[in-house]
Amino acid sequence: MAEAAPVVEEEKMDEEMKDETIDNLFKDDIVSNSFRGRIRQIISFKGTDGLIKEKETVLDSFAAILVRVVGFKDLYEAWEEQYQSTIDGFKENEKAEPTLAKQKEFLE
């Protein structure tokens, strides 16, 4: 009776091939090579004192981004145009009245 080949070796080879494929996929990726993998998020709003304020947050990493680049002169312009939004009902703190805020995200 013939013995079955060890499955462990086959799984190990599949895993190595997967890692190599992923490395090849991203080696010439403009986003991976151009940015440090962080997004800076800035929210602008009118504070309780009536002045325009900004709240800034840095998101440490992102897995993938989608950007439509057709019609823009470069990746930065495309990103800035597409990654801005309005927040209705933003509160500066728990006691503040809700206000309208604008949110922008920038690649770092």
N, C-alpha and C. Protein backbone atom coordinates (compact mmCIF):
# COMPACT_ATOMS: atom_id res chain seq x y z
N MET A 1 0.83 -1.18 0.00
CA MET A 1 0.00 0.00 0.00
C MET A 1 0.88 1.25 0.00
N ALA A 2 0.58 2.20 -0.87
CA ALA A 2 1.40 3.42 -0.99
C ALA A 2 0.98 4.43 0.07
N GLU A 3 1.97 5.15 0.61
CA GLU A 3 1.70 6.16 1.61
C GLU A 3 1.48 7.51 0.93
N ALA A 4 0.61 8.32 1.52
CA ALA A 4 0.33 9.66 0.97
C ALA A 4 1.50 10.59 1.27
N ALA A 5 1.75 11.50 0.34
CA ALA A 5 2.81 12.49 0.53
C ALA A 5 2.42 13.43 1.67
N PRO A 6 3.41 13.90 2.42
CA PRO A 6 3.10 14.81 3.53
C PRO A 6 2.46 16.11 3.03
N VAL A 7 1.34 16.48 3.62
CA VAL A 7 0.59 17.68 3.24
C VAL A 7 1.32 18.93 3.72
N VAL A 8 2.07 18.82 4.80
CA VAL A 8 2.78 19.96 5.38
C VAL A 8 3.71 20.61 4.36
N GLU A 9 4.47 19.83 3.63
CA GLU A 9 5.40 20.37 2.63
C GLU A 9 4.65 21.14 1.55
N GLU A 10 3.52 20.61 1.11
CA GLU A 10 2.72 21.26 0.08
C GLU A 10 2.18 22.59 0.57
N GLU A 11 1.68 22.64 1.80
CA GLU A 11 1.17 23.89 2.37
C GLU A 11 2.28 24.92 2.51
N LYS A 12 3.47 24.49 2.90
CA LYS A 12 4.60 25.38 3.06
C LYS A 12 4.98 26.00 1.71
N MET A 13 4.99 25.20 0.66
CA MET A 13 5.32 25.70 -0.68
C MET A 13 4.26 26.69 -1.15
N ASP A 14 2.97 26.39 -0.90
CA ASP A 14 1.90 27.31 -1.28
C ASP A 14 2.05 28.65 -0.57
N GLU A 15 2.38 28.61 0.71
CA GLU A 15 2.56 29.83 1.50
C GLU A 15 3.73 30.66 0.97
N GLU A 16 4.84 30.01 0.65
CA GLU A 16 6.00 30.71 0.09
C GLU A 16 5.66 31.36 -1.24
N MET A 17 4.93 30.64 -2.08
CA MET A 17 4.52 31.19 -3.38
C MET A 17 3.61 32.38 -3.20
N LYS A 18 2.70 32.33 -2.22
CA LYS A 18 1.79 33.43 -1.95
C LYS A 18 2.57 34.67 -1.50
N ASP A 19 3.53 34.48 -0.57
CA ASP A 19 4.35 35.60 -0.10
C ASP A 19 5.13 36.24 -1.24
N GLU A 20 5.71 35.42 -2.10
CA GLU A 20 6.48 35.91 -3.23
C GLU A 20 5.59 36.68 -4.20
N THR A 21 4.39 36.19 -4.44
CA THR A 21 3.45 36.85 -5.33
C THR A 21 3.04 38.21 -4.78
N ILE A 22 2.77 38.29 -3.49
CA ILE A 22 2.40 39.56 -2.86
C ILE A 22 3.56 40.55 -2.94
N ASP A 23 4.77 40.10 -2.67
CA ASP A 23 5.94 40.98 -2.78
C ASP A 23 6.08 41.52 -4.19
N ASN A 24 5.92 40.68 -5.19
CA ASN A 24 6.01 41.11 -6.58
C ASN A 24 4.90 42.08 -6.95
N LEU A 25 3.73 41.88 -6.38
CA LEU A 25 2.59 42.75 -6.68
C LEU A 25 2.87 44.19 -6.25
N PHE A 26 3.47 44.37 -5.08
CA PHE A 26 3.65 45.69 -4.52
C PHE A 26 5.03 46.30 -4.74
N LYS A 27 5.95 45.61 -5.40
CA LYS A 27 7.31 46.15 -5.51
C LYS A 27 7.38 47.40 -6.39
N ASP A 28 6.51 47.53 -7.38
CA ASP A 28 6.49 48.71 -8.24
C ASP A 28 5.26 49.56 -8.00
N ASP A 29 4.59 49.38 -6.88
CA ASP A 29 3.38 50.11 -6.56
C ASP A 29 3.72 51.54 -6.18
N ILE A 30 3.20 52.52 -6.90
CA ILE A 30 3.53 53.93 -6.67
C ILE A 30 3.09 54.39 -5.29
N VAL A 31 1.94 53.91 -4.82
CA VAL A 31 1.46 54.33 -3.51
C VAL A 31 2.36 53.80 -2.41
N SER A 32 2.69 52.51 -2.45
CA SER A 32 3.55 51.91 -1.42
C SER A 32 4.94 52.54 -1.41
N ASN A 33 5.46 52.89 -2.57
CA ASN A 33 6.80 53.46 -2.66
C ASN A 33 6.83 54.95 -2.36
N SER A 34 5.70 55.65 -2.48
CA SER A 34 5.67 57.11 -2.33
C SER A 34 5.21 57.59 -0.96
N PHE A 35 4.48 56.76 -0.23
CA PHE A 35 3.90 57.21 1.02
C PHE A 35 4.32 56.32 2.17
N ARG A 36 4.29 56.88 3.38
CA ARG A 36 4.72 56.14 4.56
C ARG A 36 3.61 55.28 5.16
N GLY A 37 2.48 55.23 4.50
CA GLY A 37 1.39 54.39 4.99
C GLY A 37 0.55 55.02 6.06
N ARG A 38 0.53 56.36 6.10
CA ARG A 38 -0.29 57.04 7.09
C ARG A 38 -1.21 58.03 6.39
N ILE A 39 -2.33 58.30 7.03
CA ILE A 39 -3.28 59.29 6.53
C ILE A 39 -3.45 60.34 7.61
N ARG A 40 -3.30 61.61 7.24
CA ARG A 40 -3.53 62.71 8.17
C ARG A 40 -4.95 63.23 7.90
N GLN A 41 -5.78 63.21 8.95
CA GLN A 41 -7.17 63.61 8.84
C GLN A 41 -7.34 64.95 9.56
N ILE A 42 -7.91 65.94 8.86
CA ILE A 42 -8.11 67.26 9.46
C ILE A 42 -9.60 67.60 9.39
N ILE A 43 -10.18 67.91 10.54
CA ILE A 43 -11.59 68.31 10.61
C ILE A 43 -11.62 69.79 11.00
N SER A 44 -12.23 70.61 10.15
CA SER A 44 -12.38 72.05 10.40
C SER A 44 -13.82 72.33 10.83
N PHE A 45 -13.97 73.13 11.89
CA PHE A 45 -15.31 73.41 12.39
C PHE A 45 -15.32 74.74 13.13
N LYS A 46 -16.53 75.29 13.34
CA LYS A 46 -16.69 76.52 14.09
C LYS A 46 -16.83 76.14 15.56
N GLY A 47 -15.90 76.60 16.39
CA GLY A 47 -15.88 76.25 17.81
C GLY A 47 -16.96 76.97 18.59
N THR A 48 -17.12 76.59 19.84
CA THR A 48 -18.13 77.20 20.70
C THR A 48 -17.85 78.69 20.93
N ASP A 49 -16.60 79.10 20.75
CA ASP A 49 -16.23 80.50 20.89
C ASP A 49 -16.41 81.28 19.60
N GLY A 50 -16.90 80.63 18.54
CA GLY A 50 -17.16 81.30 17.27
C GLY A 50 -15.98 81.30 16.31
N LEU A 51 -14.83 80.82 16.75
CA LEU A 51 -13.65 80.79 15.90
C LEU A 51 -13.57 79.47 15.13
N ILE A 52 -12.95 79.52 13.94
CA ILE A 52 -12.74 78.30 13.15
C ILE A 52 -11.59 77.51 13.78
N LYS A 53 -11.82 76.26 14.06
CA LYS A 53 -10.82 75.41 14.69
C LYS A 53 -10.56 74.19 13.82
N GLU A 54 -9.45 73.51 14.08
CA GLU A 54 -9.11 72.29 13.38
C GLU A 54 -8.73 71.21 14.38
N LYS A 55 -9.22 70.01 14.10
CA LYS A 55 -8.86 68.83 14.90
C LYS A 55 -8.11 67.90 13.95
N GLU A 56 -6.90 67.53 14.33
CA GLU A 56 -6.04 66.72 13.46
C GLU A 56 -5.79 65.35 14.08
N THR A 57 -5.90 64.32 13.22
CA THR A 57 -5.66 62.94 13.64
C THR A 57 -4.78 62.27 12.60
N VAL A 58 -3.83 61.45 13.04
CA VAL A 58 -3.02 60.66 12.11
C VAL A 58 -3.41 59.21 12.26
N LEU A 59 -3.86 58.63 11.15
CA LEU A 59 -4.19 57.21 11.13
C LEU A 59 -2.92 56.48 10.73
N ASP A 60 -2.48 55.57 11.57
CA ASP A 60 -1.17 54.95 11.40
C ASP A 60 -0.97 54.14 10.14
N SER A 61 -2.00 53.54 9.63
CA SER A 61 -1.78 52.72 8.45
C SER A 61 -3.05 52.55 7.64
N PHE A 62 -2.85 52.18 6.40
CA PHE A 62 -3.96 51.83 5.55
C PHE A 62 -3.54 50.65 4.70
N ALA A 63 -4.49 49.81 4.40
CA ALA A 63 -4.18 48.60 3.63
C ALA A 63 -4.20 48.88 2.14
N ALA A 64 -5.19 49.62 1.71
CA ALA A 64 -5.32 49.91 0.28
C ALA A 64 -6.12 51.19 0.14
N ILE A 65 -5.89 51.88 -0.94
CA ILE A 65 -6.68 53.07 -1.23
C ILE A 65 -7.18 52.99 -2.66
N LEU A 66 -8.30 53.60 -2.89
CA LEU A 66 -8.85 53.69 -4.23
C LEU A 66 -8.92 55.16 -4.62
N VAL A 67 -8.31 55.49 -5.73
CA VAL A 67 -8.31 56.86 -6.21
C VAL A 67 -8.52 56.85 -7.72
N ARG A 68 -9.50 57.63 -8.16
CA ARG A 68 -9.71 57.79 -9.60
C ARG A 68 -8.78 58.92 -10.06
N VAL A 69 -7.81 58.59 -10.89
CA VAL A 69 -6.79 59.57 -11.28
C VAL A 69 -7.06 60.22 -12.64
N VAL A 70 -7.99 59.69 -13.40
CA VAL A 70 -8.30 60.25 -14.71
C VAL A 70 -8.88 61.65 -14.52
N GLY A 71 -8.33 62.61 -15.23
CA GLY A 71 -8.81 63.98 -15.15
C GLY A 71 -8.06 64.85 -14.15
N PHE A 72 -7.07 64.28 -13.47
CA PHE A 72 -6.28 65.04 -12.50
C PHE A 72 -4.84 65.04 -12.96
N LYS A 73 -4.10 66.11 -12.60
CA LYS A 73 -2.71 66.20 -13.06
C LYS A 73 -1.76 65.28 -12.31
N ASP A 74 -2.08 64.93 -11.05
CA ASP A 74 -1.23 63.99 -10.30
C ASP A 74 -2.04 63.31 -9.21
N LEU A 75 -1.41 62.35 -8.56
CA LEU A 75 -2.06 61.54 -7.54
C LEU A 75 -2.51 62.39 -6.36
N TYR A 76 -1.72 63.38 -5.96
CA TYR A 76 -2.07 64.22 -4.82
C TYR A 76 -3.36 64.99 -5.08
N GLU A 77 -3.46 65.61 -6.24
CA GLU A 77 -4.65 66.38 -6.60
C GLU A 77 -5.89 65.47 -6.63
N ALA A 78 -5.74 64.28 -7.20
CA ALA A 78 -6.84 63.32 -7.27
C ALA A 78 -7.30 62.93 -5.86
N TRP A 79 -6.34 62.62 -4.99
CA TRP A 79 -6.68 62.23 -3.61
C TRP A 79 -7.40 63.36 -2.89
N GLU A 80 -6.83 64.58 -2.94
CA GLU A 80 -7.41 65.70 -2.20
C GLU A 80 -8.81 66.04 -2.68
N GLU A 81 -9.07 65.90 -3.95
CA GLU A 81 -10.39 66.17 -4.50
C GLU A 81 -11.41 65.12 -4.06
N GLN A 82 -10.99 63.87 -3.97
CA GLN A 82 -11.93 62.79 -3.69
C GLN A 82 -12.08 62.47 -2.21
N TYR A 83 -11.11 62.83 -1.39
CA TYR A 83 -11.17 62.47 0.02
C TYR A 83 -11.41 63.68 0.91
N GLN A 84 -12.54 64.33 0.68
CA GLN A 84 -13.01 65.37 1.57
C GLN A 84 -14.51 65.17 1.73
N SER A 85 -15.00 65.49 2.90
CA SER A 85 -16.41 65.27 3.16
C SER A 85 -16.92 66.29 4.18
N THR A 86 -18.23 66.29 4.36
CA THR A 86 -18.87 67.18 5.32
C THR A 86 -19.47 66.33 6.43
N ILE A 87 -19.29 66.79 7.66
CA ILE A 87 -19.85 66.09 8.82
C ILE A 87 -20.96 66.96 9.38
N ASP A 88 -22.18 66.48 9.31
CA ASP A 88 -23.32 67.20 9.85
C ASP A 88 -23.51 66.78 11.30
N GLY A 89 -23.61 67.73 12.21
CA GLY A 89 -23.81 67.39 13.62
C GLY A 89 -22.53 67.11 14.38
N PHE A 90 -21.39 67.65 13.93
CA PHE A 90 -20.11 67.47 14.62
C PHE A 90 -20.14 68.23 15.95
N LYS A 91 -19.62 67.59 17.02
CA LYS A 91 -19.54 68.24 18.32
C LYS A 91 -18.09 68.38 18.75
N GLU A 92 -17.71 69.60 19.10
CA GLU A 92 -16.35 69.87 19.57
C GLU A 92 -16.08 69.11 20.86
N ASN A 93 -17.06 69.03 21.72
CA ASN A 93 -16.99 68.26 22.96
C ASN A 93 -18.41 67.82 23.32
N GLU A 94 -18.57 67.11 24.43
CA GLU A 94 -19.88 66.57 24.80
C GLU A 94 -20.93 67.64 25.05
N LYS A 95 -20.52 68.81 25.54
CA LYS A 95 -21.46 69.86 25.89
C LYS A 95 -21.75 70.82 24.73
N ALA A 96 -20.96 70.78 23.69
CA ALA A 96 -21.10 71.72 22.57
C ALA A 96 -22.33 71.40 21.72
N GLU A 97 -22.83 72.43 21.09
CA GLU A 97 -23.94 72.28 20.15
C GLU A 97 -23.41 71.65 18.86
N PRO A 98 -24.20 70.81 18.21
CA PRO A 98 -23.77 70.24 16.92
C PRO A 98 -23.57 71.33 15.87
N THR A 99 -22.55 71.16 15.06
CA THR A 99 -22.23 72.13 14.01
C THR A 99 -21.81 71.39 12.74
N LEU A 100 -21.70 72.11 11.67
CA LEU A 100 -21.26 71.53 10.40
C LEU A 100 -19.73 71.57 10.37
N ALA A 101 -19.10 70.48 9.95
CA ALA A 101 -17.64 70.42 9.89
C ALA A 101 -17.23 69.87 8.53
N LYS A 102 -16.02 70.22 8.11
CA LYS A 102 -15.45 69.69 6.87
C LYS A 102 -14.26 68.82 7.22
N GLN A 103 -14.19 67.67 6.59
CA GLN A 103 -13.10 66.73 6.85
C GLN A 103 -12.30 66.51 5.57
N LYS A 104 -10.96 66.60 5.69
CA LYS A 104 -10.06 66.32 4.59
C LYS A 104 -9.04 65.29 5.05
N GLU A 105 -8.59 64.45 4.13
CA GLU A 105 -7.58 63.46 4.46
C GLU A 105 -6.43 63.59 3.48
N PHE A 106 -5.21 63.54 4.00
CA PHE A 106 -4.01 63.67 3.19
C PHE A 106 -3.12 62.46 3.39
N LEU A 107 -2.51 61.99 2.32
CA LEU A 107 -1.54 60.90 2.40
C LEU A 107 -0.22 61.43 2.92
N GLU A 108 0.45 60.66 3.74
CA GLU A 108 1.79 61.06 4.22
C GLU A 108 2.80 60.09 3.71
